[in-house]
Amino acid sequence: MKLNLKRPLAFFDLEATGINLGADRIVEIAILKVLPDGSQEMKVSRINPEIPIPYEISLIHGIFDEDLKDAPTFKDVAQEFADFLNDCDLAGYNSNKFDIPMLMEEFLRAGVEFELENRHFVDVQNIFHQMEQRTLKAAYKFYCGKNIENAHSAEADIRATYEVLLAQLDKYKDTEWEDKKGNKSVPVKNDVEALHSFTNLSRPVDFAGRIVFNEHGIEVFNFGKHKGKCVEEVFTAEPSYYAWMQQGEFPLYTKKCLEKIWVRWNGKKVLVKQETTKTVSVENAEGRPKQDATKPYYQKKDFNPGFKKPEKADKAEPITSDMLDQLKLKFGK
């Protein structure tokens, strides 16, 4: 089957030093770019993470520190990969929760601009988990009837992911699916936009899932003491929460998304302040002259505090010796 594409779809897979988006680093990246005409372009590179790889992680993907001593750092190749992914939609296996946010962390650390806006994201794992509930190895066996050779190699995994998606499109071509609310649809179609919608049901704002869109399309926190609360409402009630997150060990892309909401919220505050402080001329019921509503009440011409200003006191008389004698008699001194 040939994918129905309007622009390139880049399948990519990362191997890393671990799964902590804020602390871990990429050690291998493989990208299979499928073009609308069906042709393919492959790009694979090992990356020096500049931090040690935990031994137990190396046992999983087979990449050890000594294998990367002569490899480029991500900063060395960041622009090259950004250019390769230009104008591509992104696809992968568990890519929405791991690969995309991990890649964004590396681009941000390298100072290379890479925007996610106006791209579609197809997470093959989400199709599989919602339709069959299995792993990549089981998915490849289930859909393709084969075992992955050299599993946990980035190239082998991403080619298997590509083949699984093609098999899924065949298997679920006319299959009806029912969501938790009882709505029925045929979601698995040979259309990247439809696959994007089906594999992004949780609607994260930052991919790491710390901030998500609610059913009304409003950003809410998805963790901690403010879980379920609107981000802007939290800023209003507890603005220090923004600084706490920016200084905490959160993914850089989460912080970038948070900053965008913060800037927007502050912009709204400025507009409200300008609206409430601008000059408003009002005519009172008694027909008195128009006043500047922004002036304090005590500066207005018709302000009446309810009492009269005392008259100017007479000039004090000079103190005499008789006055002093009378005071001594009165106070006994």
Protein backbone atom coordinates (compact mmCIF):
# COMPACT_ATOMS: atom_id res chain seq x y z
CA MET A 1 0.00 0.00 0.00
CA LYS A 2 1.14 3.53 -0.79
CA LEU A 3 0.57 6.22 1.85
CA ASN A 4 -1.73 9.03 0.76
CA LEU A 5 0.46 12.03 1.57
CA LYS A 6 0.13 15.74 0.89
CA ARG A 7 3.65 16.40 2.16
CA PRO A 8 6.55 14.25 3.45
CA LEU A 9 5.94 12.07 6.50
CA ALA A 10 9.08 11.50 8.59
CA PHE A 11 9.17 8.34 10.68
CA PHE A 12 11.82 8.73 13.32
CA ASP A 13 13.16 6.86 16.32
CA LEU A 14 15.58 7.86 19.06
CA GLU A 15 17.84 5.86 21.33
CA ALA A 16 18.89 7.77 24.43
CA THR A 17 20.74 7.66 27.74
CA GLY A 18 17.40 7.25 29.51
CA ILE A 19 13.81 8.47 29.52
CA ASN A 20 14.11 11.68 31.57
CA LEU A 21 13.27 14.36 29.00
CA GLY A 22 15.00 17.12 30.93
CA ALA A 23 18.22 15.27 31.84
CA ASP A 24 18.84 12.52 29.28
CA ARG A 25 20.36 12.86 25.81
CA ILE A 26 20.04 11.27 22.38
CA VAL A 27 22.67 8.67 21.40
CA GLU A 28 21.20 7.63 18.04
CA ILE A 29 18.63 9.08 15.68
CA ALA A 30 17.14 7.44 12.59
CA ILE A 31 14.70 9.13 10.22
CA LEU A 32 12.85 7.50 7.34
CA LYS A 33 11.28 10.26 5.24
CA VAL A 34 8.48 9.05 2.97
CA LEU A 35 7.67 11.48 0.15
CA PRO A 36 4.24 11.96 -1.47
CA ASP A 37 5.40 10.08 -4.58
CA GLY A 38 6.24 7.02 -2.43
CA SER A 39 10.00 7.44 -2.57
CA GLN A 40 12.02 7.25 0.64
CA GLU A 41 15.03 8.97 2.15
CA MET A 42 16.91 7.57 5.16
CA LYS A 43 19.13 9.44 7.59
CA VAL A 44 20.86 7.74 10.53
CA SER A 45 23.42 9.14 12.95
CA ARG A 46 24.92 8.21 16.26
CA ILE A 47 25.31 11.09 18.69
CA ASN A 48 27.84 11.76 21.44
CA PRO A 49 25.56 12.64 24.40
CA GLU A 50 28.43 14.23 26.36
CA ILE A 51 27.22 12.35 29.46
CA PRO A 52 27.77 8.70 30.45
CA ILE A 53 25.24 6.09 29.31
CA PRO A 54 24.00 3.97 32.25
CA TYR A 55 25.14 0.38 31.75
CA GLU A 56 21.62 -1.02 32.07
CA ILE A 57 20.47 1.31 29.28
CA SER A 58 23.36 0.27 27.04
CA LEU A 59 22.29 -3.36 27.48
CA ILE A 60 18.90 -2.46 26.00
CA HIS A 61 19.97 -0.60 22.83
CA GLY A 62 23.49 -2.01 22.52
CA ILE A 63 25.23 1.39 22.38
CA PHE A 64 28.09 1.97 24.86
CA ASP A 65 30.15 5.03 25.74
CA GLU A 66 33.16 3.85 23.73
CA ASP A 67 30.97 3.52 20.61
CA LEU A 68 30.31 7.26 20.66
CA LYS A 69 33.68 8.78 21.52
CA ASP A 70 34.21 9.95 17.91
CA ALA A 71 30.54 10.68 17.14
CA PRO A 72 29.31 14.27 16.65
CA THR A 73 27.35 16.01 19.39
CA PHE A 74 23.72 16.86 18.67
CA LYS A 75 24.66 20.52 18.39
CA ASP A 76 27.03 19.58 15.55
CA VAL A 77 24.23 18.00 13.49
CA ALA A 78 21.12 19.81 14.80
CA GLN A 79 20.73 22.17 11.85
CA GLU A 80 21.28 19.32 9.40
CA PHE A 81 18.45 17.30 10.95
CA ALA A 82 16.19 20.36 11.23
CA ASP A 83 16.64 20.96 7.50
CA PHE A 84 15.99 17.28 6.73
CA LEU A 85 12.70 17.45 8.67
CA ASN A 86 11.63 20.75 7.14
CA ASP A 87 7.99 20.70 5.95
CA CYS A 88 7.54 17.14 7.27
CA ASP A 89 4.77 15.70 9.37
CA LEU A 90 6.17 13.45 12.09
CA ALA A 91 5.46 9.81 12.86
CA GLY A 92 6.88 7.22 15.20
CA TYR A 93 6.18 4.60 17.83
CA ASN A 94 5.39 6.26 21.18
CA SER A 95 6.71 9.40 19.48
CA ASN A 96 4.18 11.78 21.03
CA LYS A 97 5.28 10.96 24.58
CA PHE A 98 8.99 10.39 24.07
CA ASP A 99 10.64 10.97 20.69
CA ILE A 100 9.09 14.35 19.80
CA PRO A 101 9.60 15.96 23.24
CA MET A 102 13.14 14.51 23.48
CA LEU A 103 13.99 15.85 20.02
CA MET A 104 12.61 19.28 20.96
CA GLU A 105 14.77 19.33 24.10
CA GLU A 106 17.88 18.73 22.00
CA PHE A 107 16.96 21.38 19.41
CA LEU A 108 16.34 23.93 22.17
CA ARG A 109 19.64 23.11 23.90
CA ALA A 110 21.44 23.46 20.57
CA GLY A 111 19.76 26.79 19.88
CA VAL A 112 18.31 25.57 16.58
CA GLU A 113 14.82 26.76 15.65
CA PHE A 114 12.40 23.90 15.01
CA GLU A 115 8.69 24.65 15.14
CA LEU A 116 5.98 22.05 15.74
CA GLU A 117 3.09 24.30 14.76
CA ASN A 118 1.20 23.32 11.58
CA ARG A 119 2.60 19.76 11.59
CA HIS A 120 0.65 16.54 11.98
CA PHE A 121 1.83 13.84 14.39
CA VAL A 122 1.06 10.17 13.84
CA ASP A 123 1.86 7.94 16.81
CA VAL A 124 1.66 4.37 15.54
CA GLN A 125 1.72 3.04 19.10
CA ASN A 126 -1.49 4.89 19.90
CA ILE A 127 -3.28 3.25 16.97
CA PHE A 128 -1.98 -0.12 18.10
CA HIS A 129 -2.70 0.33 21.80
CA GLN A 130 -6.20 1.56 21.17
CA MET A 131 -6.96 -1.20 18.69
CA GLU A 132 -4.93 -4.15 20.03
CA GLN A 133 -3.02 -3.20 23.22
CA ARG A 134 0.47 -4.61 22.42
CA THR A 135 4.18 -3.66 22.12
CA LEU A 136 6.20 -2.89 18.96
CA LYS A 137 7.64 -6.41 18.85
CA ALA A 138 4.17 -7.93 19.21
CA ALA A 139 2.74 -5.40 16.77
CA TYR A 140 5.27 -6.37 14.11
CA LYS A 141 4.53 -10.04 14.68
CA PHE A 142 0.78 -9.47 14.79
CA TYR A 143 0.46 -7.20 11.75
CA CYS A 144 3.36 -8.30 9.59
CA GLY A 145 3.85 -11.91 10.66
CA LYS A 146 7.59 -11.35 11.19
CA ASN A 147 10.07 -10.92 14.01
CA ILE A 148 12.18 -7.76 14.24
CA GLU A 149 15.79 -8.52 13.43
CA ASN A 150 18.22 -6.52 15.58
CA ALA A 151 15.47 -5.16 17.82
CA HIS A 152 16.24 -1.90 19.67
CA SER A 153 18.41 -0.74 16.82
CA ALA A 154 16.96 2.62 15.82
CA GLU A 155 16.95 1.74 12.11
CA ALA A 156 15.39 -1.70 12.62
CA ASP A 157 12.72 -0.30 14.95
CA ILE A 158 11.74 2.54 12.67
CA ARG A 159 11.49 0.34 9.57
CA ALA A 160 9.32 -2.05 11.58
CA THR A 161 7.16 0.91 12.68
CA TYR A 162 6.68 1.99 9.07
CA GLU A 163 5.65 -1.52 8.02
CA VAL A 164 3.26 -1.79 11.00
CA LEU A 165 1.47 1.41 9.97
CA LEU A 166 0.98 0.14 6.41
CA ALA A 167 -0.42 -3.13 7.78
CA GLN A 168 -2.70 -1.25 10.18
CA LEU A 169 -4.16 0.77 7.31
CA ASP A 170 -4.97 -2.48 5.52
CA LYS A 171 -6.38 -4.26 8.59
CA TYR A 172 -8.55 -1.40 9.91
CA LYS A 173 -9.59 0.11 6.59
CA ASP A 174 -13.33 -0.15 7.34
CA THR A 175 -13.21 -1.06 11.05
CA GLU A 176 -15.59 0.81 13.34
CA TRP A 177 -14.22 2.07 16.66
CA GLU A 178 -16.15 3.29 19.71
CA ASP A 179 -14.67 5.82 22.13
CA LYS A 180 -15.35 6.03 25.89
CA LYS A 181 -18.34 8.29 25.32
CA GLY A 182 -19.99 5.85 22.94
CA ASN A 183 -19.18 7.79 19.77
CA LYS A 184 -18.52 5.52 16.80
CA SER A 185 -16.26 6.22 13.84
CA VAL A 186 -13.85 4.64 11.36
CA PRO A 187 -10.67 6.42 12.47
CA VAL A 188 -7.85 4.45 10.84
CA LYS A 189 -7.67 5.90 7.34
CA ASN A 190 -4.95 6.45 4.76
CA ASP A 191 -4.91 10.12 5.64
CA VAL A 192 -2.30 11.76 7.87
CA GLU A 193 -4.73 14.36 9.27
CA ALA A 194 -7.19 11.63 10.34
CA LEU A 195 -4.37 9.58 11.86
CA HIS A 196 -3.13 12.69 13.67
CA SER A 197 -6.56 13.17 15.26
CA PHE A 198 -6.84 9.51 16.28
CA THR A 199 -3.34 9.29 17.79
CA ASN A 200 -3.54 12.57 19.71
CA LEU A 201 -6.69 12.00 21.75
CA SER A 202 -5.16 13.31 24.99
CA ARG A 203 -4.40 16.67 23.29
CA PRO A 204 -1.19 17.58 25.15
CA VAL A 205 0.10 21.14 24.87
CA ASP A 206 3.74 20.28 25.54
CA PHE A 207 3.92 16.58 24.50
CA ALA A 208 5.34 15.72 27.92
CA GLY A 209 1.74 15.94 29.16
CA ARG A 210 2.35 18.46 31.97
CA ILE A 211 -0.13 20.79 30.26
CA VAL A 212 -3.10 19.57 28.20
CA PHE A 213 -6.12 21.05 26.45
CA ASN A 214 -9.45 20.40 28.13
CA GLU A 215 -12.65 19.68 26.22
CA HIS A 216 -13.11 23.42 25.63
CA GLY A 217 -9.64 23.86 24.13
CA ILE A 218 -8.27 25.64 27.21
CA GLU A 219 -4.82 24.83 28.63
CA VAL A 220 -4.96 23.14 32.05
CA PHE A 221 -2.29 21.64 34.28
CA ASN A 222 -2.14 17.85 34.20
CA PHE A 223 -0.06 17.24 37.33
CA GLY A 224 0.49 18.34 40.93
CA LYS A 225 -1.69 20.42 43.21
CA HIS A 226 -3.21 22.41 40.33
CA LYS A 227 -4.11 19.39 38.19
CA GLY A 228 -7.24 20.12 36.14
CA LYS A 229 -7.05 23.88 36.75
CA CYS A 230 -6.83 26.43 33.95
CA VAL A 231 -3.22 27.63 33.59
CA GLU A 232 -4.21 31.29 33.34
CA GLU A 233 -6.40 31.03 36.44
CA VAL A 234 -3.45 29.57 38.37
CA PHE A 235 -1.27 32.46 37.18
CA THR A 236 -3.88 34.91 38.51
CA ALA A 237 -4.20 33.19 41.91
CA GLU A 238 -0.56 32.15 42.30
CA PRO A 239 1.78 33.89 39.82
CA SER A 240 4.83 32.46 41.61
CA TYR A 241 3.87 29.03 40.23
CA TYR A 242 5.19 30.15 36.84
CA ALA A 243 8.62 30.98 38.31
CA TRP A 244 8.65 27.68 40.21
CA MET A 245 8.10 25.70 37.03
CA GLN A 246 10.62 27.73 35.01
CA GLN A 247 13.26 27.09 37.68
CA GLY A 248 12.32 23.44 38.17
CA GLU A 249 13.47 20.31 36.36
CA PHE A 250 10.80 20.39 33.68
CA PRO A 251 11.45 19.77 29.96
CA LEU A 252 12.56 22.86 28.06
CA TYR A 253 9.66 22.55 25.63
CA THR A 254 7.22 22.45 28.56
CA LYS A 255 8.81 25.69 29.79
CA LYS A 256 8.58 27.20 26.32
CA CYS A 257 4.86 26.40 26.10
CA LEU A 258 4.34 27.74 29.62
CA GLU A 259 6.13 30.98 28.69
CA LYS A 260 3.87 31.44 25.67
CA ILE A 261 0.79 31.16 27.91
CA TRP A 262 2.40 33.51 30.46
CA VAL A 263 3.10 36.16 27.80
CA ARG A 264 -0.45 35.87 26.47
CA TRP A 265 -1.89 36.15 30.02
CA ASN A 266 0.22 39.23 30.77
CA GLY A 267 -0.92 40.77 27.48
CA LYS A 268 -4.53 40.36 28.58
CA LYS A 269 -3.72 42.01 31.92
CA VAL A 270 -2.22 45.01 30.14
CA LEU A 271 -5.30 45.38 27.93
CA VAL A 272 -7.63 45.24 30.94
CA LYS A 273 -5.52 47.82 32.78
CA GLN A 274 -5.53 50.14 29.78
CA GLU A 275 -9.30 49.74 29.44
CA THR A 276 -9.98 50.56 33.08
CA THR A 277 -7.59 53.49 33.32
CA LYS A 278 -8.35 55.31 30.09
CA THR A 279 -10.14 58.67 30.31
CA VAL A 280 -13.91 58.30 30.49
CA SER A 281 -16.03 61.45 30.36
CA VAL A 282 -19.32 61.06 32.16
CA GLU A 283 -22.25 63.47 32.56
CA ASN A 284 -23.85 63.19 36.00
CA ALA A 285 -27.56 63.30 36.64
CA GLU A 286 -27.50 66.91 37.89
CA GLY A 287 -26.06 68.19 34.64
CA ARG A 288 -22.76 69.25 36.18
CA PRO A 289 -19.67 69.57 33.96
CA LYS A 290 -18.07 66.39 32.65
CA GLN A 291 -15.34 64.99 34.89
CA ASP A 292 -12.27 62.87 34.30
CA ALA A 293 -13.22 59.49 35.76
CA THR A 294 -9.57 58.48 36.13
CA LYS A 295 -8.80 61.29 38.64
CA PRO A 296 -8.91 60.44 42.34
CA TYR A 297 -12.18 61.58 43.94
CA TYR A 298 -10.44 64.19 46.06
CA GLN A 299 -9.06 65.94 42.96
CA LYS A 300 -12.47 66.42 41.33
CA LYS A 301 -13.94 69.91 41.28
CA ASP A 302 -17.24 68.95 42.90
CA PHE A 303 -15.68 66.88 45.70
CA ASN A 304 -17.31 67.72 49.08
CA PRO A 305 -15.76 65.98 52.08
CA GLY A 306 -18.70 66.89 54.33
CA PHE A 307 -17.12 69.56 56.46
CA LYS A 308 -15.99 73.17 56.10
CA LYS A 309 -12.42 74.23 56.09
CA PRO A 310 -11.80 76.07 59.36
CA GLU A 311 -11.48 79.85 59.19
CA LYS A 312 -8.02 81.30 59.50
CA ALA A 313 -7.15 81.65 63.19
CA ASP A 314 -6.39 85.07 64.74
CA LYS A 315 -2.76 85.92 65.31
CA ALA A 316 -1.59 84.59 68.70
CA GLU A 317 -0.99 87.12 71.51
CA PRO A 318 2.55 87.42 72.96
CA ILE A 319 3.18 85.63 76.27
CA THR A 320 3.39 88.00 79.31
CA SER A 321 4.64 87.59 82.90
CA ASP A 322 1.02 87.71 84.15
CA MET A 323 0.16 84.70 81.94
CA LEU A 324 3.06 82.73 83.39
CA ASP A 325 2.04 83.60 86.98
CA GLN A 326 -1.52 82.40 86.33
CA LEU A 327 -0.21 79.08 84.91
CA LYS A 328 1.93 78.55 88.00
CA LEU A 329 -1.03 79.10 90.27
CA LYS A 330 -3.21 76.72 88.20
CA PHE A 331 -0.75 73.82 88.11
CA GLY A 332 0.82 74.41 91.53
CA LYS A 333 4.27 75.30 90.29
